[in-house]
Amino acid sequence: MASYAQFLGRKVTVQYRVGDVLLPASGTFAADSGRSIFLEQHVEQRGKRSYFRWEIPYQYIHKIEEVDEIPEPPAAPKAVPAEPEISQASAASAGAILSPSAASLLALPQRPKTV
């Protein structure tokens, strides 16, 4: 098996296999046990610092690359101002513009309540 000690302390992205799926993991290369590698990623959430640590066995590693900067997950979307309600007349005219299949999706029948 290959040794990955040359990546120690560096920021890396690893693709590893879980069943038939390849998953990405990125973080700082924290350790190499000779059988597995360990990645660490520091996260600040609600003012509290914590970290995640992955153990990835050698046989599951598909590809490992050193990166200059680890991409951060996208920030939470900002609140969008609510749009004013559409009157029934304008909604009916908008339905006339839509294709028949789209209009049928918009006009869902209400189900009767069961007891």
PDB file of N, CA and C in Angstrom:
ATOM      1  N   MET A   1       0.833  -1.188   0.000  1.00  0.00           N
ATOM      2  CA  MET A   1       0.000   0.000   0.000  1.00  0.00           C
ATOM      3  C   MET A   1       0.877   1.250   0.000  1.00  0.00           C
ATOM      4  N   ALA A   2       0.339   2.302  -0.593  1.00  0.00           N
ATOM      5  CA  ALA A   2       1.079   3.566  -0.682  1.00  0.00           C
ATOM      6  C   ALA A   2       1.013   4.309   0.648  1.00  0.00           C
ATOM      7  N   SER A   3       2.015   5.100   0.916  1.00  0.00           N
ATOM      8  CA  SER A   3       2.031   5.950   2.099  1.00  0.00           C
ATOM      9  C   SER A   3       1.691   7.374   1.658  1.00  0.00           C
ATOM     10  N   TYR A   4       0.871   8.032   2.433  1.00  0.00           N
ATOM     11  CA  TYR A   4       0.445   9.381   2.091  1.00  0.00           C
ATOM     12  C   TYR A   4       1.026  10.412   3.052  1.00  0.00           C
ATOM     13  N   ALA A   5       2.113  10.081   3.737  1.00  0.00           N
ATOM     14  CA  ALA A   5       2.703  10.961   4.744  1.00  0.00           C
ATOM     15  C   ALA A   5       3.171  12.291   4.157  1.00  0.00           C
ATOM     16  N   GLN A   6       3.438  12.358   2.866  1.00  0.00           N
ATOM     17  CA  GLN A   6       3.903  13.620   2.269  1.00  0.00           C
ATOM     18  C   GLN A   6       2.833  14.711   2.325  1.00  0.00           C
ATOM     19  N   PHE A   7       1.573  14.349   2.557  1.00  0.00           N
ATOM     20  CA  PHE A   7       0.483  15.322   2.639  1.00  0.00           C
ATOM     21  C   PHE A   7       0.247  15.830   4.065  1.00  0.00           C
ATOM     22  N   LEU A   8       0.971  15.335   5.038  1.00  0.00           N
ATOM     23  CA  LEU A   8       0.759  15.666   6.447  1.00  0.00           C
ATOM     24  C   LEU A   8       0.760  17.178   6.681  1.00  0.00           C
ATOM     25  N   GLY A   9      -0.319  17.677   7.292  1.00  0.00           N
ATOM     26  CA  GLY A   9      -0.450  19.098   7.603  1.00  0.00           C
ATOM     27  C   GLY A   9      -0.908  19.961   6.448  1.00  0.00           C
ATOM     28  N   ARG A  10      -1.138  19.383   5.289  1.00  0.00           N
ATOM     29  CA  ARG A  10      -1.557  20.154   4.115  1.00  0.00           C
ATOM     30  C   ARG A  10      -3.057  20.040   3.894  1.00  0.00           C
ATOM     31  N   LYS A  11      -3.603  21.000   3.173  1.00  0.00           N
ATOM     32  CA  LYS A  11      -5.023  20.963   2.825  1.00  0.00           C
ATOM     33  C   LYS A  11      -5.188  20.084   1.595  1.00  0.00           C
ATOM     34  N   VAL A  12      -6.087  19.112   1.685  1.00  0.00           N
ATOM     35  CA  VAL A  12      -6.276  18.158   0.601  1.00  0.00           C
ATOM     36  C   VAL A  12      -7.756  17.942   0.328  1.00  0.00           C
ATOM     37  N   THR A  13      -8.020  17.423  -0.859  1.00  0.00           N
ATOM     38  CA  THR A  13      -9.340  16.923  -1.229  1.00  0.00           C
ATOM     39  C   THR A  13      -9.158  15.461  -1.588  1.00  0.00           C
ATOM     40  N   VAL A  14      -9.995  14.611  -1.016  1.00  0.00           N
ATOM     41  CA  VAL A  14      -9.897  13.169  -1.225  1.00  0.00           C
ATOM     42  C   VAL A  14     -11.210  12.675  -1.813  1.00  0.00           C
ATOM     43  N   GLN A  15     -11.121  11.853  -2.839  1.00  0.00           N
ATOM     44  CA  GLN A  15     -12.296  11.119  -3.318  1.00  0.00           C
ATOM     45  C   GLN A  15     -12.140   9.703  -2.799  1.00  0.00           C
ATOM     46  N   TYR A  16     -13.170   9.220  -2.117  1.00  0.00           N
ATOM     47  CA  TYR A  16     -13.103   7.866  -1.580  1.00  0.00           C
ATOM     48  C   TYR A  16     -14.368   7.105  -1.944  1.00  0.00           C
ATOM     49  N   ARG A  17     -14.236   5.806  -1.988  1.00  0.00           N
ATOM     50  CA  ARG A  17     -15.298   4.925  -2.456  1.00  0.00           C
ATOM     51  C   ARG A  17     -16.101   4.395  -1.267  1.00  0.00           C
ATOM     52  N   VAL A  18     -17.424   4.486  -1.389  1.00  0.00           N
ATOM     53  CA  VAL A  18     -18.341   3.883  -0.437  1.00  0.00           C
ATOM     54  C   VAL A  18     -19.319   3.076  -1.273  1.00  0.00           C
ATOM     55  N   GLY A  19     -19.120   1.782  -1.323  1.00  0.00           N
ATOM     56  CA  GLY A  19     -19.929   0.948  -2.204  1.00  0.00           C
ATOM     57  C   GLY A  19     -19.620   1.288  -3.645  1.00  0.00           C
ATOM     58  N   ASP A  20     -20.640   1.655  -4.402  1.00  0.00           N
ATOM     59  CA  ASP A  20     -20.469   2.022  -5.809  1.00  0.00           C
ATOM     60  C   ASP A  20     -20.373   3.528  -6.012  1.00  0.00           C
ATOM     61  N   VAL A  21     -20.320   4.309  -4.926  1.00  0.00           N
ATOM     62  CA  VAL A  21     -20.370   5.756  -5.010  1.00  0.00           C
ATOM     63  C   VAL A  21     -19.017   6.351  -4.606  1.00  0.00           C
ATOM     64  N   LEU A  22     -18.599   7.395  -5.332  1.00  0.00           N
ATOM     65  CA  LEU A  22     -17.403   8.145  -4.951  1.00  0.00           C
ATOM     66  C   LEU A  22     -17.846   9.405  -4.212  1.00  0.00           C
ATOM     67  N   LEU A  23     -17.315   9.608  -3.013  1.00  0.00           N
ATOM     68  CA  LEU A  23     -17.658  10.773  -2.216  1.00  0.00           C
ATOM     69  C   LEU A  23     -16.434  11.656  -2.031  1.00  0.00           C
ATOM     70  N   PRO A  24     -16.626  12.983  -2.006  1.00  0.00           N
ATOM     71  CA  PRO A  24     -15.499  13.883  -1.761  1.00  0.00           C
ATOM     72  C   PRO A  24     -15.393  14.231  -0.274  1.00  0.00           C
ATOM     73  N   ALA A  25     -14.189  14.469   0.182  1.00  0.00           N
ATOM     74  CA  ALA A  25     -13.949  14.984   1.526  1.00  0.00           C
ATOM     75  C   ALA A  25     -12.787  15.955   1.420  1.00  0.00           C
ATOM     76  N   SER A  26     -12.884  17.070   2.111  1.00  0.00           N
ATOM     77  CA  SER A  26     -11.790  18.038   2.067  1.00  0.00           C
ATOM     78  C   SER A  26     -11.489  18.484   3.484  1.00  0.00           C
ATOM     79  N   GLY A  27     -10.237  18.739   3.727  1.00  0.00           N
ATOM     80  CA  GLY A  27      -9.813  19.171   5.046  1.00  0.00           C
ATOM     81  C   GLY A  27      -8.309  19.146   5.135  1.00  0.00           C
ATOM     82  N   THR A  28      -7.821  19.293   6.354  1.00  0.00           N
ATOM     83  CA  THR A  28      -6.385  19.247   6.602  1.00  0.00           C
ATOM     84  C   THR A  28      -5.994  17.804   6.872  1.00  0.00           C
ATOM     85  N   PHE A  29      -4.949  17.356   6.209  1.00  0.00           N
ATOM     86  CA  PHE A  29      -4.458  15.993   6.381  1.00  0.00           C
ATOM     87  C   PHE A  29      -3.839  15.925   7.775  1.00  0.00           C
ATOM     88  N   ALA A  30      -4.496  15.240   8.710  1.00  0.00           N
ATOM     89  CA  ALA A  30      -4.091  15.248  10.108  1.00  0.00           C
ATOM     90  C   ALA A  30      -3.139  14.110  10.464  1.00  0.00           C
ATOM     91  N   ALA A  31      -3.330  12.913   9.882  1.00  0.00           N
ATOM     92  CA  ALA A  31      -2.498  11.772  10.278  1.00  0.00           C
ATOM     93  C   ALA A  31      -2.540  10.685   9.224  1.00  0.00           C
ATOM     94  N   ASP A  32      -1.530   9.827   9.278  1.00  0.00           N
ATOM     95  CA  ASP A  32      -1.439   8.651   8.414  1.00  0.00           C
ATOM     96  C   ASP A  32      -0.989   7.496   9.303  1.00  0.00           C
ATOM     97  N   SER A  33      -1.889   6.525   9.516  1.00  0.00           N
ATOM     98  CA  SER A  33      -1.577   5.418  10.421  1.00  0.00           C
ATOM     99  C   SER A  33      -0.854   4.269   9.731  1.00  0.00           C
ATOM    100  N   GLY A  34      -0.746   4.327   8.416  1.00  0.00           N
ATOM    101  CA  GLY A  34      -0.179   3.205   7.676  1.00  0.00           C
ATOM    102  C   GLY A  34      -1.263   2.312   7.105  1.00  0.00           C
ATOM    103  N   ARG A  35      -2.470   2.440   7.619  1.00  0.00           N
ATOM    104  CA  ARG A  35      -3.635   1.698   7.106  1.00  0.00           C
ATOM    105  C   ARG A  35      -4.759   2.636   6.701  1.00  0.00           C
ATOM    106  N   SER A  36      -4.803   3.814   7.336  1.00  0.00           N
ATOM    107  CA  SER A  36      -5.857   4.804   7.087  1.00  0.00           C
ATOM    108  C   SER A  36      -5.246   6.191   7.107  1.00  0.00           C
ATOM    109  N   ILE A  37      -5.997   7.125   6.500  1.00  0.00           N
ATOM    110  CA  ILE A  37      -5.623   8.529   6.624  1.00  0.00           C
ATOM    111  C   ILE A  37      -6.711   9.217   7.441  1.00  0.00           C
ATOM    112  N   PHE A  38      -6.359  10.335   8.047  1.00  0.00           N
ATOM    113  CA  PHE A  38      -7.296  11.091   8.860  1.00  0.00           C
ATOM    114  C   PHE A  38      -7.321  12.526   8.357  1.00  0.00           C
ATOM    115  N   LEU A  39      -8.505  13.008   8.024  1.00  0.00           N
ATOM    116  CA  LEU A  39      -8.709  14.391   7.610  1.00  0.00           C
ATOM    117  C   LEU A  39      -9.432  15.118   8.731  1.00  0.00           C
ATOM    118  N   GLU A  40      -9.139  16.391   8.873  1.00  0.00           N
ATOM    119  CA  GLU A  40      -9.766  17.190   9.905  1.00  0.00           C
ATOM    120  C   GLU A  40     -10.250  18.484   9.296  1.00  0.00           C
ATOM    121  N   GLN A  41     -11.458  18.909   9.680  1.00  0.00           N
ATOM    122  CA  GLN A  41     -12.010  20.161   9.179  1.00  0.00           C
ATOM    123  C   GLN A  41     -12.597  20.928  10.352  1.00  0.00           C
ATOM    124  N   HIS A  42     -12.146  22.171  10.533  1.00  0.00           N
ATOM    125  CA  HIS A  42     -12.643  23.014  11.612  1.00  0.00           C
ATOM    126  C   HIS A  42     -13.852  23.795  11.128  1.00  0.00           C
ATOM    127  N   VAL A  43     -14.880  23.872  11.990  1.00  0.00           N
ATOM    128  CA  VAL A  43     -16.136  24.524  11.641  1.00  0.00           C
ATOM    129  C   VAL A  43     -16.565  25.399  12.815  1.00  0.00           C
ATOM    130  N   GLU A  44     -17.096  26.574  12.488  1.00  0.00           N
ATOM    131  CA  GLU A  44     -17.679  27.420  13.522  1.00  0.00           C
ATOM    132  C   GLU A  44     -19.167  27.498  13.260  1.00  0.00           C
ATOM    133  N   GLN A  45     -19.949  27.076  14.264  1.00  0.00           N
ATOM    134  CA  GLN A  45     -21.394  27.046  14.116  1.00  0.00           C
ATOM    135  C   GLN A  45     -22.023  27.635  15.365  1.00  0.00           C
ATOM    136  N   ARG A  46     -22.835  28.641  15.184  1.00  0.00           N
ATOM    137  CA  ARG A  46     -23.508  29.326  16.296  1.00  0.00           C
ATOM    138  C   ARG A  46     -22.506  29.813  17.337  1.00  0.00           C
ATOM    139  N   GLY A  47     -21.384  30.313  16.861  1.00  0.00           N
ATOM    140  CA  GLY A  47     -20.374  30.855  17.751  1.00  0.00           C
ATOM    141  C   GLY A  47     -19.515  29.819  18.450  1.00  0.00           C
ATOM    142  N   LYS A  48     -19.721  28.550  18.176  1.00  0.00           N
ATOM    143  CA  LYS A  48     -18.957  27.478  18.817  1.00  0.00           C
ATOM    144  C   LYS A  48     -18.056  26.818  17.785  1.00  0.00           C
ATOM    145  N   ARG A  49     -16.761  26.716  18.095  1.00  0.00           N
ATOM    146  CA  ARG A  49     -15.810  26.047  17.198  1.00  0.00           C
ATOM    147  C   ARG A  49     -15.812  24.560  17.488  1.00  0.00           C
ATOM    148  N   SER A  50     -15.907  23.790  16.432  1.00  0.00           N
ATOM    149  CA  SER A  50     -15.808  22.335  16.564  1.00  0.00           C
ATOM    150  C   SER A  50     -15.075  21.813  15.336  1.00  0.00           C
ATOM    151  N   TYR A  51     -14.843  20.535  15.298  1.00  0.00           N
ATOM    152  CA  TYR A  51     -14.170  19.971  14.137  1.00  0.00           C
ATOM    153  C   TYR A  51     -14.730  18.598  13.818  1.00  0.00           C
ATOM    154  N   PHE A  52     -14.595  18.248  12.549  1.00  0.00           N
ATOM    155  CA  PHE A  52     -14.954  16.925  12.072  1.00  0.00           C
ATOM    156  C   PHE A  52     -13.667  16.201  11.734  1.00  0.00           C
ATOM    157  N   ARG A  53     -13.645  14.922  11.975  1.00  0.00           N
ATOM    158  CA  ARG A  53     -12.470  14.133  11.612  1.00  0.00           C
ATOM    159  C   ARG A  53     -12.950  12.880  10.890  1.00  0.00           C
ATOM    160  N   TRP A  54     -12.371  12.646   9.713  1.00  0.00           N
ATOM    161  CA  TRP A  54     -12.685  11.470   8.916  1.00  0.00           C
ATOM    162  C   TRP A  54     -11.537  10.485   9.001  1.00  0.00           C
ATOM    163  N   GLU A  55     -11.860   9.222   9.090  1.00  0.00           N
ATOM    164  CA  GLU A  55     -10.864   8.164   8.921  1.00  0.00           C
ATOM    165  C   GLU A  55     -11.220   7.459   7.620  1.00  0.00           C
ATOM    166  N   ILE A  56     -10.280   7.438   6.704  1.00  0.00           N
ATOM    167  CA  ILE A  56     -10.517   6.811   5.405  1.00  0.00           C
ATOM    168  C   ILE A  56      -9.457   5.728   5.205  1.00  0.00           C
ATOM    169  N   PRO A  57      -9.867   4.456   5.198  1.00  0.00           N
ATOM    170  CA  PRO A  57      -8.902   3.372   4.972  1.00  0.00           C
ATOM    171  C   PRO A  57      -8.276   3.469   3.584  1.00  0.00           C
ATOM    172  N   TYR A  58      -7.023   3.058   3.479  1.00  0.00           N
ATOM    173  CA  TYR A  58      -6.292   3.122   2.206  1.00  0.00           C
ATOM    174  C   TYR A  58      -7.071   2.492   1.061  1.00  0.00           C
ATOM    175  N   GLN A  59      -7.693   1.326   1.279  1.00  0.00           N
ATOM    176  CA  GLN A  59      -8.329   0.611   0.169  1.00  0.00           C
ATOM    177  C   GLN A  59      -9.540   1.350  -0.399  1.00  0.00           C
ATOM    178  N   TYR A  60     -10.076   2.352   0.324  1.00  0.00           N
ATOM    179  CA  TYR A  60     -11.226   3.110  -0.172  1.00  0.00           C
ATOM    180  C   TYR A  60     -10.823   4.398  -0.882  1.00  0.00           C
ATOM    181  N   ILE A  61      -9.555   4.796  -0.800  1.00  0.00           N
ATOM    182  CA  ILE A  61      -9.106   6.041  -1.419  1.00  0.00           C
ATOM    183  C   ILE A  61      -9.030   5.861  -2.925  1.00  0.00           C
ATOM    184  N   HIS A  62      -9.719   6.745  -3.630  1.00  0.00           N
ATOM    185  CA  HIS A  62      -9.690   6.729  -5.091  1.00  0.00           C
ATOM    186  C   HIS A  62      -8.664   7.734  -5.613  1.00  0.00           C
ATOM    187  N   LYS A  63      -8.705   8.958  -5.059  1.00  0.00           N
ATOM    188  CA  LYS A  63      -7.803  10.018  -5.510  1.00  0.00           C
ATOM    189  C   LYS A  63      -7.584  10.990  -4.357  1.00  0.00           C
ATOM    190  N   ILE A  64      -6.366  11.486  -4.239  1.00  0.00           N
ATOM    191  CA  ILE A  64      -6.056  12.492  -3.232  1.00  0.00           C
ATOM    192  C   ILE A  64      -5.250  13.600  -3.907  1.00  0.00           C
ATOM    193  N   GLU A  65      -5.652  14.858  -3.652  1.00  0.00           N
ATOM    194  CA  GLU A  65      -4.996  16.010  -4.267  1.00  0.00           C
ATOM    195  C   GLU A  65      -4.784  17.088  -3.231  1.00  0.00           C
ATOM    196  N   GLU A  66      -3.641  17.762  -3.314  1.00  0.00           N
ATOM    197  CA  GLU A  66      -3.388  18.910  -2.465  1.00  0.00           C
ATOM    198  C   GLU A  66      -4.086  20.115  -3.090  1.00  0.00           C
ATOM    199  N   VAL A  67      -4.715  20.948  -2.255  1.00  0.00           N
ATOM    200  CA  VAL A  67      -5.403  22.142  -2.738  1.00  0.00           C
ATOM    201  C   VAL A  67      -4.851  23.359  -2.013  1.00  0.00           C
ATOM    202  N   ASP A  68      -4.930  24.516  -2.681  1.00  0.00           N
ATOM    203  CA  ASP A  68      -4.451  25.753  -2.068  1.00  0.00           C
ATOM    204  C   ASP A  68      -5.398  26.219  -0.975  1.00  0.00           C
ATOM    205  N   GLU A  69      -6.696  26.155  -1.266  1.00  0.00           N
ATOM    206  CA  GLU A  69      -7.685  26.613  -0.307  1.00  0.00           C
ATOM    207  C   GLU A  69      -8.892  25.689  -0.373  1.00  0.00           C
ATOM    208  N   ILE A  70      -9.396  25.298   0.787  1.00  0.00           N
ATOM    209  CA  ILE A  70     -10.552  24.405   0.852  1.00  0.00           C
ATOM    210  C   ILE A  70     -11.807  25.238   0.607  1.00  0.00           C
ATOM    211  N   PRO A  71     -12.657  24.818  -0.346  1.00  0.00           N
ATOM    212  CA  PRO A  71     -13.885  25.572  -0.608  1.00  0.00           C
ATOM    213  C   PRO A  71     -14.821  25.487   0.590  1.00  0.00           C
ATOM    214  N   GLU A  72     -15.370  26.644   0.972  1.00  0.00           N
ATOM    215  CA  GLU A  72     -16.303  26.678   2.092  1.00  0.00           C
ATOM    216  C   GLU A  72     -17.708  26.388   1.594  1.00  0.00           C
ATOM    217  N   PRO A  73     -18.526  25.739   2.432  1.00  0.00           N
ATOM    218  CA  PRO A  73     -19.906  25.502   2.012  1.00  0.00           C
ATOM    219  C   PRO A  73     -20.630  26.828   1.847  1.00  0.00           C
ATOM    220  N   PRO A  74     -21.619  26.895   0.943  1.00  0.00           N
ATOM    221  CA  PRO A  74     -22.327  28.154   0.712  1.00  0.00           C
ATOM    222  C   PRO A  74     -23.059  28.606   1.968  1.00  0.00           C
ATOM    223  N   ALA A  75     -23.120  29.925   2.149  1.00  0.00           N
ATOM    224  CA  ALA A  75     -23.806  30.498   3.303  1.00  0.00           C
ATOM    225  C   ALA A  75     -25.307  30.275   3.165  1.00  0.00           C
ATOM    226  N   ALA A  76     -25.993  30.357   4.279  1.00  0.00           N
ATOM    227  CA  ALA A  76     -27.445  30.187   4.271  1.00  0.00           C
ATOM    228  C   ALA A  76     -28.062  31.285   3.408  1.00  0.00           C
ATOM    229  N   PRO A  77     -29.092  30.948   2.632  1.00  0.00           N
ATOM    230  CA  PRO A  77     -29.709  31.960   1.775  1.00  0.00           C
ATOM    231  C   PRO A  77     -30.341  33.059   2.613  1.00  0.00           C
ATOM    232  N   LYS A  78     -30.243  34.295   2.099  1.00  0.00           N
ATOM    233  CA  LYS A  78     -30.831  35.432   2.791  1.00  0.00           C
ATOM    234  C   LYS A  78     -32.326  35.435   2.568  1.00  0.00           C
ATOM    235  N   ALA A  79     -33.023  36.038   3.504  1.00  0.00           N
ATOM    236  CA  ALA A  79     -34.480  36.091   3.408  1.00  0.00           C
ATOM    237  C   ALA A  79     -34.873  36.934   2.198  1.00  0.00           C
ATOM    238  N   VAL A  80     -35.789  36.406   1.408  1.00  0.00           N
ATOM    239  CA  VAL A  80     -36.285  37.094   0.225  1.00  0.00           C
ATOM    240  C   VAL A  80     -37.610  37.735   0.601  1.00  0.00           C
ATOM    241  N   PRO A  81     -37.815  39.003   0.267  1.00  0.00           N
ATOM    242  CA  PRO A  81     -39.093  39.634   0.610  1.00  0.00           C
ATOM    243  C   PRO A  81     -40.245  38.894  -0.068  1.00  0.00           C
ATOM    244  N   ALA A  82     -41.326  38.746   0.675  1.00  0.00           N
ATOM    245  CA  ALA A  82     -42.484  38.030   0.160  1.00  0.00           C
ATOM    246  C   ALA A  82     -43.119  38.807  -0.982  1.00  0.00           C
ATOM    247  N   GLU A  83     -43.543  38.066  -2.007  1.00  0.00           N
ATOM    248  CA  GLU A  83     -44.210  38.703  -3.139  1.00  0.00           C
ATOM    249  C   GLU A  83     -45.679  38.902  -2.794  1.00  0.00           C
ATOM    250  N   PRO A  84     -46.286  39.959  -3.305  1.00  0.00           N
ATOM    251  CA  PRO A  84     -47.711  40.173  -3.026  1.00  0.00           C
ATOM    252  C   PRO A  84     -48.532  39.048  -3.649  1.00  0.00           C
ATOM    253  N   GLU A  85     -49.660  38.757  -3.015  1.00  0.00           N
ATOM    254  CA  GLU A  85     -50.517  37.688  -3.514  1.00  0.00           C
ATOM    255  C   GLU A  85     -51.113  38.068  -4.861  1.00  0.00           C
ATOM    256  N   ILE A  86     -51.294  37.080  -5.710  1.00  0.00           N
ATOM    257  CA  ILE A  86     -51.859  37.300  -7.037  1.00  0.00           C
ATOM    258  C   ILE A  86     -53.362  37.107  -6.941  1.00  0.00           C
ATOM    259  N   SER A  87     -54.103  38.041  -7.524  1.00  0.00           N
ATOM    260  CA  SER A  87     -55.555  37.907  -7.490  1.00  0.00           C
ATOM    261  C   SER A  87     -55.993  36.745  -8.380  1.00  0.00           C
ATOM    262  N   GLN A  88     -57.205  36.276  -8.160  1.00  0.00           N
ATOM    263  CA  GLN A  88     -57.706  35.142  -8.943  1.00  0.00           C
ATOM    264  C   GLN A  88     -57.787  35.479 -10.426  1.00  0.00           C
ATOM    265  N   ALA A  89     -58.117  36.711 -10.772  1.00  0.00           N
ATOM    266  CA  ALA A  89     -58.239  37.088 -12.178  1.00  0.00           C
ATOM    267  C   ALA A  89     -56.880  37.021 -12.864  1.00  0.00           C
ATOM    268  N   SER A  90     -55.844  37.536 -12.215  1.00  0.00           N
ATOM    269  CA  SER A  90     -54.531  37.494 -12.845  1.00  0.00           C
ATOM    270  C   SER A  90     -53.992  36.064 -12.854  1.00  0.00           C
ATOM    271  N   ALA A  91     -54.353  35.265 -11.855  1.00  0.00           N
ATOM    272  CA  ALA A  91     -53.922  33.862 -11.835  1.00  0.00           C
ATOM    273  C   ALA A  91     -54.595  33.098 -12.959  1.00  0.00           C
ATOM    274  N   ALA A  92     -55.864  33.418 -13.245  1.00  0.00           N
ATOM    275  CA  ALA A  92     -56.564  32.746 -14.332  1.00  0.00           C
ATOM    276  C   ALA A  92     -55.952  33.111 -15.675  1.00  0.00           C
ATOM    277  N   SER A  93     -55.576  34.381 -15.823  1.00  0.00           N
ATOM    278  CA  SER A  93     -54.964  34.769 -17.088  1.00  0.00           C
ATOM    279  C   SER A  93     -53.577  34.159 -17.217  1.00  0.00           C
ATOM    280  N   ALA A  94     -52.872  33.995 -16.123  1.00  0.00           N
ATOM    281  CA  ALA A  94     -51.557  33.352 -16.164  1.00  0.00           C
ATOM    282  C   ALA A  94     -51.712  31.882 -16.522  1.00  0.00           C
ATOM    283  N   GLY A  95     -52.778  31.260 -16.079  1.00  0.00           N
ATOM    284  CA  GLY A  95     -53.022  29.851 -16.399  1.00  0.00           C
ATOM    285  C   GLY A  95     -53.314  29.665 -17.874  1.00  0.00           C
ATOM    286  N   ALA A  96     -53.908  30.676 -18.515  1.00  0.00           N
ATOM    287  CA  ALA A  96     -54.201  30.577 -19.941  1.00  0.00           C
ATOM    288  C   ALA A  96     -52.916  30.601 -20.757  1.00  0.00           C
ATOM    289  N   ILE A  97     -51.881  31.230 -20.228  1.00  0.00           N
ATOM    290  CA  ILE A  97     -50.614  31.319 -20.949  1.00  0.00           C
ATOM    291  C   ILE A  97     -49.851  30.010 -20.856  1.00  0.00           C
ATOM    292  N   LEU A  98     -50.001  29.288 -19.758  1.00  0.00           N
ATOM    293  CA  LEU A  98     -49.253  28.057 -19.537  1.00  0.00           C
ATOM    294  C   LEU A  98     -49.717  26.940 -20.457  1.00  0.00           C
ATOM    295  N   SER A  99     -48.862  25.985 -20.661  1.00  0.00           N
ATOM    296  CA  SER A  99     -49.244  24.823 -21.460  1.00  0.00           C
ATOM    297  C   SER A  99     -50.294  24.012 -20.704  1.00  0.00           C
ATOM    298  N   PRO A 100     -51.054  23.172 -21.396  1.00  0.00           N
ATOM    299  CA  PRO A 100     -52.103  22.395 -20.729  1.00  0.00           C
ATOM    300  C   PRO A 100     -51.563  21.501 -19.614  1.00  0.00           C
ATOM    301  N   SER A 101     -50.380  20.916 -19.808  1.00  0.00           N
ATOM    302  CA  SER A 101     -49.841  20.043 -18.767  1.00  0.00           C
ATOM    303  C   SER A 101     -49.430  20.837 -17.538  1.00  0.00           C
ATOM    304  N   ALA A 102     -48.865  22.046 -17.724  1.00  0.00           N
ATOM    305  CA  ALA A 102     -48.472  22.880 -16.598  1.00  0.00           C
ATOM    306  C   ALA A 102     -49.699  23.401 -15.875  1.00  0.00           C
ATOM    307  N   ALA A 103     -50.742  23.754 -16.630  1.00  0.00           N
ATOM    308  CA  ALA A 103     -51.964  24.250 -16.017  1.00  0.00           C
ATOM    309  C   ALA A 103     -52.623  23.164 -15.178  1.00  0.00           C
ATOM    310  N   SER A 104     -52.568  21.921 -15.628  1.00  0.00           N
ATOM    311  CA  SER A 104     -53.184  20.846 -14.862  1.00  0.00           C
ATOM    312  C   SER A 104     -52.418  20.594 -13.577  1.00  0.00           C
ATOM    313  N   LEU A 105     -51.119  20.871 -13.567  1.00  0.00           N
ATOM    314  CA  LEU A 105     -50.352  20.713 -12.340  1.00  0.00           C
ATOM    315  C   LEU A 105     -50.683  21.808 -11.333  1.00  0.00           C
ATOM    316  N   LEU A 106     -50.959  23.006 -11.849  1.00  0.00           N
ATOM    317  CA  LEU A 106     -51.266  24.110 -10.961  1.00  0.00           C
ATOM    318  C   LEU A 106     -52.665  24.011 -10.374  1.00  0.00           C
ATOM    319  N   ALA A 107     -53.597  23.489 -11.122  1.00  0.00           N
ATOM    320  CA  ALA A 107     -54.978  23.394 -10.674  1.00  0.00           C
ATOM    321  C   ALA A 107     -55.236  22.001 -10.110  1.00  0.00           C
ATOM    322  N   LEU A 108     -54.682  21.733  -8.940  1.00  0.00           N
ATOM    323  CA  LEU A 108     -54.879  20.422  -8.318  1.00  0.00           C
ATOM    324  C   LEU A 108     -56.246  20.384  -7.641  1.00  0.00           C
ATOM    325  N   PRO A 109     -56.994  19.324  -7.857  1.00  0.00           N
ATOM    326  CA  PRO A 109     -58.302  19.234  -7.199  1.00  0.00           C
ATOM    327  C   PRO A 109     -58.108  18.995  -5.699  1.00  0.00           C
ATOM    328  N   GLN A 110     -59.035  19.522  -4.910  1.00  0.00           N
ATOM    329  CA  GLN A 110     -58.947  19.306  -3.473  1.00  0.00           C
ATOM    330  C   GLN A 110     -59.571  17.963  -3.146  1.00  0.00           C
ATOM    331  N   ARG A 111     -58.906  17.229  -2.272  1.00  0.00           N
ATOM    332  CA  ARG A 111     -59.412  15.908  -1.882  1.00  0.00           C
ATOM    333  C   ARG A 111     -60.511  16.074  -0.826  1.00  0.00           C
ATOM    334  N   PRO A 112     -61.506  15.230  -0.870  1.00  0.00           N
ATOM    335  CA  PRO A 112     -62.541  15.286   0.172  1.00  0.00           C
ATOM    336  C   PRO A 112     -61.949  14.790   1.495  1.00  0.00           C
ATOM    337  N   LYS A 113     -62.402  15.402   2.565  1.00  0.00           N
ATOM    338  CA  LYS A 113     -61.935  14.994   3.881  1.00  0.00           C
ATOM    339  C   LYS A 113     -62.602  13.679   4.255  1.00  0.00           C
ATOM    340  N   THR A 114     -61.817  12.788   4.817  1.00  0.00           N
ATOM    341  CA  THR A 114     -62.379  11.505   5.256  1.00  0.00           C
ATOM    342  C   THR A 114     -62.506  11.510   6.765  1.00  0.00           C
ATOM    343  N   VAL A 115     -63.462  10.765   7.230  1.00  0.00           N
ATOM    344  CA  VAL A 115     -63.730  10.748   8.666  1.00  0.00           C
ATOM    345  C   VAL A 115     -63.025   9.609   9.328  1.00  0.00           C
TER     346      VAL A 115
END
